[in-house]
């Protein structure tokens, strides 16, 4: 039996994230997304994964952000409101997905960099062309390909089918903050958050900075 049985167009295993979850700074939302489930339904098939790596991108004061110079036709979805998807095509060959944060007009978001696959794994393997579980969604382009996220998802409300975020009640994981990857501007800012020692992150931990400790053992 699938752990995500259909109920009114979305899985019933968890609860949707409330709207005010997203109406905060990207630096607050980013670590809180770790451990949450990203779910995608396409052609009746649900694929999903637990978020293990993210990066925060702010607005005008973040030179690495797409929103740094203000709204454009490409980045319009990034300016809100929070709780929408901002999807863009990069390097001429893959898509990347961001969770828009803050109130309308701010232009901040969280790039989803890696998932631990949990549902629809065989479908992900076919889409990615690899059997290796740890490589299915370890990187923003791989993640988008595994879940069939493309330009049609840009601007979508993440509280609704066919692309949504939910909380299944899992305890918040430990979290490390490191510099962001693959950028030149503001590269020293500790805006990347990962689940430490997860084999599904796109790159291993780059620093010892503990952002949020794990819950104490019972």
C-alpha atoms as a PDB file:
ATOM      1  CA  UNK A   1       0.000   0.000   0.000  1.00  0.00           C
ATOM      2  CA  UNK A   2       1.268   3.460  -0.815  1.00  0.00           C
ATOM      3  CA  UNK A   3       1.999   5.602   2.286  1.00  0.00           C
ATOM      4  CA  UNK A   4       0.300   8.503   0.516  1.00  0.00           C
ATOM      5  CA  UNK A   5      -3.279   7.353  -0.263  1.00  0.00           C
ATOM      6  CA  UNK A   6      -5.273   9.863  -2.290  1.00  0.00           C
ATOM      7  CA  UNK A   7      -7.749  12.063  -0.434  1.00  0.00           C
ATOM      8  CA  UNK A   8      -9.401  14.921  -2.313  1.00  0.00           C
ATOM      9  CA  UNK A   9      -6.489  15.272  -4.662  1.00  0.00           C
ATOM     10  CA  UNK A  10      -3.609  15.115  -2.224  1.00  0.00           C
ATOM     11  CA  UNK A  11      -1.932  12.581   0.078  1.00  0.00           C
ATOM     12  CA  UNK A  12      -3.553  11.993   3.435  1.00  0.00           C
ATOM     13  CA  UNK A  13      -0.370  11.111   5.317  1.00  0.00           C
ATOM     14  CA  UNK A  14       0.391  14.628   6.557  1.00  0.00           C
ATOM     15  CA  UNK A  15      -0.956  18.144   6.842  1.00  0.00           C
ATOM     16  CA  UNK A  16      -0.378  21.016   4.484  1.00  0.00           C
ATOM     17  CA  UNK A  17       1.913  23.730   5.776  1.00  0.00           C
ATOM     18  CA  UNK A  18      -0.113  26.754   6.930  1.00  0.00           C
ATOM     19  CA  UNK A  19       0.041  29.926   4.885  1.00  0.00           C
ATOM     20  CA  UNK A  20       1.797  31.927   7.590  1.00  0.00           C
ATOM     21  CA  UNK A  21       4.657  29.400   7.579  1.00  0.00           C
ATOM     22  CA  UNK A  22       5.876  31.047   4.374  1.00  0.00           C
ATOM     23  CA  UNK A  23       5.313  34.679   5.374  1.00  0.00           C
ATOM     24  CA  UNK A  24       8.669  34.966   7.125  1.00  0.00           C
ATOM     25  CA  UNK A  25      12.244  35.674   6.144  1.00  0.00           C
ATOM     26  CA  UNK A  26      13.832  33.077   3.872  1.00  0.00           C
ATOM     27  CA  UNK A  27      16.446  32.617   6.592  1.00  0.00           C
ATOM     28  CA  UNK A  28      13.724  31.455   8.972  1.00  0.00           C
ATOM     29  CA  UNK A  29      11.788  29.350   6.488  1.00  0.00           C
ATOM     30  CA  UNK A  30      14.836  27.576   5.010  1.00  0.00           C
ATOM     31  CA  UNK A  31      15.911  25.525   8.055  1.00  0.00           C
ATOM     32  CA  UNK A  32      12.280  24.861   8.947  1.00  0.00           C
ATOM     33  CA  UNK A  33      11.754  23.214   5.544  1.00  0.00           C
ATOM     34  CA  UNK A  34      14.243  20.472   6.410  1.00  0.00           C
ATOM     35  CA  UNK A  35      12.341  17.286   7.122  1.00  0.00           C
ATOM     36  CA  UNK A  36       9.181  18.444   5.348  1.00  0.00           C
ATOM     37  CA  UNK A  37       7.791  16.523   2.359  1.00  0.00           C
ATOM     38  CA  UNK A  38       7.704  17.886  -1.168  1.00  0.00           C
ATOM     39  CA  UNK A  39       4.999  16.080  -3.162  1.00  0.00           C
ATOM     40  CA  UNK A  40       4.175  16.131  -6.864  1.00  0.00           C
ATOM     41  CA  UNK A  41       1.333  14.446  -8.704  1.00  0.00           C
ATOM     42  CA  UNK A  42       1.679  13.975 -12.457  1.00  0.00           C
ATOM     43  CA  UNK A  43      -0.547  11.786 -14.603  1.00  0.00           C
ATOM     44  CA  UNK A  44      -2.020  10.267 -11.461  1.00  0.00           C
ATOM     45  CA  UNK A  45       1.336   9.210  -9.986  1.00  0.00           C
ATOM     46  CA  UNK A  46       2.653  10.784  -6.779  1.00  0.00           C
ATOM     47  CA  UNK A  47       6.370  11.239  -6.247  1.00  0.00           C
ATOM     48  CA  UNK A  48       7.641  12.710  -3.006  1.00  0.00           C
ATOM     49  CA  UNK A  49      10.723  13.214  -0.888  1.00  0.00           C
ATOM     50  CA  UNK A  50      11.884  14.567   2.441  1.00  0.00           C
ATOM     51  CA  UNK A  51      13.816  17.822   2.147  1.00  0.00           C
ATOM     52  CA  UNK A  52      17.439  17.499   3.326  1.00  0.00           C
ATOM     53  CA  UNK A  53      19.165  20.516   1.734  1.00  0.00           C
ATOM     54  CA  UNK A  54      18.072  24.087   0.991  1.00  0.00           C
ATOM     55  CA  UNK A  55      19.525  27.542   0.339  1.00  0.00           C
ATOM     56  CA  UNK A  56      18.020  30.889   1.325  1.00  0.00           C
ATOM     57  CA  UNK A  57      18.023  33.787  -1.142  1.00  0.00           C
ATOM     58  CA  UNK A  58      16.943  37.207   0.033  1.00  0.00           C
ATOM     59  CA  UNK A  59      15.746  40.212  -1.956  1.00  0.00           C
ATOM     60  CA  UNK A  60      17.426  43.482  -2.866  1.00  0.00           C
ATOM     61  CA  UNK A  61      20.207  43.111  -0.279  1.00  0.00           C
ATOM     62  CA  UNK A  62      21.360  39.717  -1.584  1.00  0.00           C
ATOM     63  CA  UNK A  63      23.487  40.087  -4.739  1.00  0.00           C
ATOM     64  CA  UNK A  64      23.269  36.320  -5.393  1.00  0.00           C
ATOM     65  CA  UNK A  65      19.472  36.435  -5.567  1.00  0.00           C
ATOM     66  CA  UNK A  66      17.451  36.577  -8.785  1.00  0.00           C
ATOM     67  CA  UNK A  67      15.433  39.316  -7.070  1.00  0.00           C
ATOM     68  CA  UNK A  68      18.427  41.558  -6.429  1.00  0.00           C
ATOM     69  CA  UNK A  69      17.667  43.951  -9.295  1.00  0.00           C
ATOM     70  CA  UNK A  70      13.904  43.913  -8.922  1.00  0.00           C
ATOM     71  CA  UNK A  71      11.040  42.200 -10.776  1.00  0.00           C
ATOM     72  CA  UNK A  72      11.455  40.921 -14.330  1.00  0.00           C
ATOM     73  CA  UNK A  73       9.287  38.655 -16.491  1.00  0.00           C
ATOM     74  CA  UNK A  74      11.525  35.741 -15.497  1.00  0.00           C
ATOM     75  CA  UNK A  75      11.512  36.242 -11.725  1.00  0.00           C
ATOM     76  CA  UNK A  76       8.018  37.687 -11.255  1.00  0.00           C
ATOM     77  CA  UNK A  77       6.808  34.672  -9.241  1.00  0.00           C
ATOM     78  CA  UNK A  78       9.590  35.236  -6.715  1.00  0.00           C
ATOM     79  CA  UNK A  79       7.910  38.456  -5.591  1.00  0.00           C
ATOM     80  CA  UNK A  80       5.106  36.610  -3.985  1.00  0.00           C
ATOM     81  CA  UNK A  81       3.062  36.032  -2.212  1.00  0.00           C
ATOM     82  CA  UNK A  82       4.861  33.537   0.010  1.00  0.00           C
ATOM     83  CA  UNK A  83       3.866  29.913  -0.414  1.00  0.00           C
ATOM     84  CA  UNK A  84       4.196  29.855  -4.205  1.00  0.00           C
ATOM     85  CA  UNK A  85       6.706  28.016  -6.371  1.00  0.00           C
ATOM     86  CA  UNK A  86       9.340  29.928  -8.306  1.00  0.00           C
ATOM     87  CA  UNK A  87      10.730  27.636 -11.019  1.00  0.00           C
ATOM     88  CA  UNK A  88      13.392  28.679 -13.488  1.00  0.00           C
ATOM     89  CA  UNK A  89      15.388  27.051 -16.288  1.00  0.00           C
ATOM     90  CA  UNK A  90      19.160  27.235 -15.999  1.00  0.00           C
ATOM     91  CA  UNK A  91      22.289  26.242 -17.898  1.00  0.00           C
ATOM     92  CA  UNK A  92      20.066  25.360 -20.832  1.00  0.00           C
ATOM     93  CA  UNK A  93      19.239  21.912 -19.520  1.00  0.00           C
ATOM     94  CA  UNK A  94      17.432  21.755 -16.181  1.00  0.00           C
ATOM     95  CA  UNK A  95      14.882  23.397 -13.905  1.00  0.00           C
ATOM     96  CA  UNK A  96      15.289  24.520 -10.304  1.00  0.00           C
ATOM     97  CA  UNK A  97      12.519  25.051  -7.766  1.00  0.00           C
ATOM     98  CA  UNK A  98      12.301  27.693  -5.048  1.00  0.00           C
ATOM     99  CA  UNK A  99       9.741  28.159  -2.296  1.00  0.00           C
ATOM    100  CA  UNK A 100       8.735  31.833  -2.274  1.00  0.00           C
ATOM    101  CA  UNK A 101       8.827  33.442   1.183  1.00  0.00           C
ATOM    102  CA  UNK A 102       7.708  36.670   2.806  1.00  0.00           C
ATOM    103  CA  UNK A 103       4.850  39.003   1.879  1.00  0.00           C
ATOM    104  CA  UNK A 104       4.148  40.057  -1.686  1.00  0.00           C
ATOM    105  CA  UNK A 105       6.839  42.282  -3.166  1.00  0.00           C
ATOM    106  CA  UNK A 106       9.799  41.150  -1.034  1.00  0.00           C
ATOM    107  CA  UNK A 107      11.385  38.850  -3.608  1.00  0.00           C
ATOM    108  CA  UNK A 108      12.870  36.173  -1.338  1.00  0.00           C
ATOM    109  CA  UNK A 109      12.822  32.421  -1.566  1.00  0.00           C
ATOM    110  CA  UNK A 110      14.371  29.097  -0.641  1.00  0.00           C
ATOM    111  CA  UNK A 111      16.043  26.938  -3.288  1.00  0.00           C
ATOM    112  CA  UNK A 112      15.297  23.234  -2.766  1.00  0.00           C
ATOM    113  CA  UNK A 113      18.591  21.474  -3.339  1.00  0.00           C
ATOM    114  CA  UNK A 114      18.048  17.854  -2.308  1.00  0.00           C
ATOM    115  CA  UNK A 115      15.456  15.316  -1.199  1.00  0.00           C
ATOM    116  CA  UNK A 116      15.499  11.883   0.362  1.00  0.00           C
ATOM    117  CA  UNK A 117      13.055  10.018  -1.932  1.00  0.00           C
ATOM    118  CA  UNK A 118      10.083   8.512  -0.112  1.00  0.00           C
ATOM    119  CA  UNK A 119       7.320   7.851  -2.653  1.00  0.00           C
ATOM    120  CA  UNK A 120       7.201   6.930  -6.336  1.00  0.00           C
ATOM    121  CA  UNK A 121      10.835   5.855  -6.329  1.00  0.00           C
ATOM    122  CA  UNK A 122      10.583   3.635  -9.413  1.00  0.00           C
ATOM    123  CA  UNK A 123       9.021   6.529 -11.323  1.00  0.00           C
ATOM    124  CA  UNK A 124      11.888   8.764 -10.210  1.00  0.00           C
ATOM    125  CA  UNK A 125      14.388   6.166 -11.405  1.00  0.00           C
ATOM    126  CA  UNK A 126      12.805   6.088 -14.851  1.00  0.00           C
ATOM    127  CA  UNK A 127      12.793   9.875 -15.107  1.00  0.00           C
ATOM    128  CA  UNK A 128      16.380  10.172 -13.948  1.00  0.00           C
ATOM    129  CA  UNK A 129      17.740   7.157 -15.790  1.00  0.00           C
ATOM    130  CA  UNK A 130      19.607   5.839 -12.762  1.00  0.00           C
ATOM    131  CA  UNK A 131      18.881   3.169 -10.146  1.00  0.00           C
ATOM    132  CA  UNK A 132      21.004   4.844  -7.441  1.00  0.00           C
ATOM    133  CA  UNK A 133      18.651   6.066  -4.721  1.00  0.00           C
ATOM    134  CA  UNK A 134      21.058   8.679  -3.390  1.00  0.00           C
ATOM    135  CA  UNK A 135      21.416  10.274  -6.841  1.00  0.00           C
ATOM    136  CA  UNK A 136      17.733  10.627  -7.688  1.00  0.00           C
ATOM    137  CA  UNK A 137      17.228  14.056  -6.121  1.00  0.00           C
ATOM    138  CA  UNK A 138      20.648  15.119  -4.810  1.00  0.00           C
ATOM    139  CA  UNK A 139      20.920  18.513  -6.460  1.00  0.00           C
ATOM    140  CA  UNK A 140      18.342  21.083  -7.597  1.00  0.00           C
ATOM    141  CA  UNK A 141      18.288  19.933 -11.218  1.00  0.00           C
ATOM    142  CA  UNK A 142      18.042  16.265 -10.308  1.00  0.00           C
ATOM    143  CA  UNK A 143      15.285  17.054  -7.817  1.00  0.00           C
ATOM    144  CA  UNK A 144      13.208  18.836 -10.446  1.00  0.00           C
ATOM    145  CA  UNK A 145      13.707  16.062 -12.988  1.00  0.00           C
ATOM    146  CA  UNK A 146      12.839  13.321 -10.480  1.00  0.00           C
ATOM    147  CA  UNK A 147       9.557  15.025  -9.542  1.00  0.00           C
ATOM    148  CA  UNK A 148       8.773  16.308 -13.064  1.00  0.00           C
ATOM    149  CA  UNK A 149       8.864  19.943 -11.937  1.00  0.00           C
ATOM    150  CA  UNK A 150       8.994  22.342 -14.867  1.00  0.00           C
ATOM    151  CA  UNK A 151       7.942  25.812 -16.013  1.00  0.00           C
ATOM    152  CA  UNK A 152       4.260  24.885 -15.709  1.00  0.00           C
ATOM    153  CA  UNK A 153       4.766  24.753 -11.920  1.00  0.00           C
ATOM    154  CA  UNK A 154       6.044  28.324 -11.666  1.00  0.00           C
ATOM    155  CA  UNK A 155       3.682  30.448  -9.568  1.00  0.00           C
ATOM    156  CA  UNK A 156       1.770  27.418  -8.292  1.00  0.00           C
ATOM    157  CA  UNK A 157       0.258  27.584  -4.790  1.00  0.00           C
ATOM    158  CA  UNK A 158       2.161  25.030  -2.709  1.00  0.00           C
ATOM    159  CA  UNK A 159      -0.937  24.286  -0.670  1.00  0.00           C
ATOM    160  CA  UNK A 160      -2.708  22.612  -3.583  1.00  0.00           C
ATOM    161  CA  UNK A 161      -2.481  19.676  -5.964  1.00  0.00           C
ATOM    162  CA  UNK A 162      -0.448  18.877  -8.084  1.00  0.00           C
ATOM    163  CA  UNK A 163       2.601  20.285  -6.228  1.00  0.00           C
ATOM    164  CA  UNK A 164       2.559  20.831  -2.484  1.00  0.00           C
ATOM    165  CA  UNK A 165       4.497  20.758   0.777  1.00  0.00           C
ATOM    166  CA  UNK A 166       3.340  18.904   3.855  1.00  0.00           C
ATOM    167  CA  UNK A 167       4.359  17.970   7.373  1.00  0.00           C
ATOM    168  CA  UNK A 168       3.920  14.344   8.372  1.00  0.00           C
ATOM    169  CA  UNK A 169       4.814  14.977  12.012  1.00  0.00           C
ATOM    170  CA  UNK A 170       8.420  13.788  11.825  1.00  0.00           C
ATOM    171  CA  UNK A 171      10.672  15.379  14.445  1.00  0.00           C
ATOM    172  CA  UNK A 172      12.707  18.331  13.124  1.00  0.00           C
ATOM    173  CA  UNK A 173      16.139  17.042  12.089  1.00  0.00           C
ATOM    174  CA  UNK A 174      19.502  18.397  13.118  1.00  0.00           C
ATOM    175  CA  UNK A 175      20.585  21.237  10.866  1.00  0.00           C
ATOM    176  CA  UNK A 176      23.920  22.683   9.772  1.00  0.00           C
ATOM    177  CA  UNK A 177      24.451  26.080   8.155  1.00  0.00           C
ATOM    178  CA  UNK A 178      27.156  26.363   5.480  1.00  0.00           C
ATOM    179  CA  UNK A 179      28.039  28.721   2.614  1.00  0.00           C
ATOM    180  CA  UNK A 180      25.900  28.454  -0.502  1.00  0.00           C
ATOM    181  CA  UNK A 181      27.159  26.444  -3.478  1.00  0.00           C
ATOM    182  CA  UNK A 182      27.965  27.432  -7.055  1.00  0.00           C
ATOM    183  CA  UNK A 183      27.758  31.212  -6.678  1.00  0.00           C
ATOM    184  CA  UNK A 184      30.356  33.981  -6.739  1.00  0.00           C
ATOM    185  CA  UNK A 185      28.525  36.878  -5.116  1.00  0.00           C
ATOM    186  CA  UNK A 186      27.896  36.785  -1.357  1.00  0.00           C
ATOM    187  CA  UNK A 187      29.457  33.325  -1.364  1.00  0.00           C
ATOM    188  CA  UNK A 188      30.554  33.578   2.263  1.00  0.00           C
ATOM    189  CA  UNK A 189      27.065  33.883   3.716  1.00  0.00           C
ATOM    190  CA  UNK A 190      25.926  30.857   5.708  1.00  0.00           C
ATOM    191  CA  UNK A 191      22.615  30.541   3.892  1.00  0.00           C
ATOM    192  CA  UNK A 192      22.766  26.839   2.988  1.00  0.00           C
ATOM    193  CA  UNK A 193      21.101  24.463   5.445  1.00  0.00           C
ATOM    194  CA  UNK A 194      21.539  20.692   5.394  1.00  0.00           C
ATOM    195  CA  UNK A 195      20.651  17.631   7.410  1.00  0.00           C
ATOM    196  CA  UNK A 196      24.105  16.594   8.610  1.00  0.00           C
ATOM    197  CA  UNK A 197      25.479  13.266   7.429  1.00  0.00           C
ATOM    198  CA  UNK A 198      22.531  12.629   5.098  1.00  0.00           C
ATOM    199  CA  UNK A 199      23.736  10.674   2.096  1.00  0.00           C
ATOM    200  CA  UNK A 200      21.150  12.473  -0.045  1.00  0.00           C
ATOM    201  CA  UNK A 201      22.643  15.983   0.131  1.00  0.00           C
ATOM    202  CA  UNK A 202      24.269  17.281  -3.052  1.00  0.00           C
ATOM    203  CA  UNK A 203      27.609  17.790  -1.330  1.00  0.00           C
ATOM    204  CA  UNK A 204      28.896  16.750   2.080  1.00  0.00           C
ATOM    205  CA  UNK A 205      28.905  19.126   5.010  1.00  0.00           C
ATOM    206  CA  UNK A 206      31.238  22.063   4.491  1.00  0.00           C
ATOM    207  CA  UNK A 207      31.445  23.319   8.056  1.00  0.00           C
ATOM    208  CA  UNK A 208      30.726  22.509  11.691  1.00  0.00           C
ATOM    209  CA  UNK A 209      28.199  25.271  12.336  1.00  0.00           C
ATOM    210  CA  UNK A 210      25.204  23.826  14.168  1.00  0.00           C
ATOM    211  CA  UNK A 211      22.044  25.797  13.438  1.00  0.00           C
ATOM    212  CA  UNK A 212      19.549  23.618  15.284  1.00  0.00           C
ATOM    213  CA  UNK A 213      20.425  20.657  17.512  1.00  0.00           C
ATOM    214  CA  UNK A 214      18.519  17.389  17.286  1.00  0.00           C
ATOM    215  CA  UNK A 215      15.820  16.670  19.815  1.00  0.00           C
ATOM    216  CA  UNK A 216      17.206  14.984  22.952  1.00  0.00           C
ATOM    217  CA  UNK A 217      16.877  11.249  23.099  1.00  0.00           C
ATOM    218  CA  UNK A 218      13.876  10.034  25.106  1.00  0.00           C
END
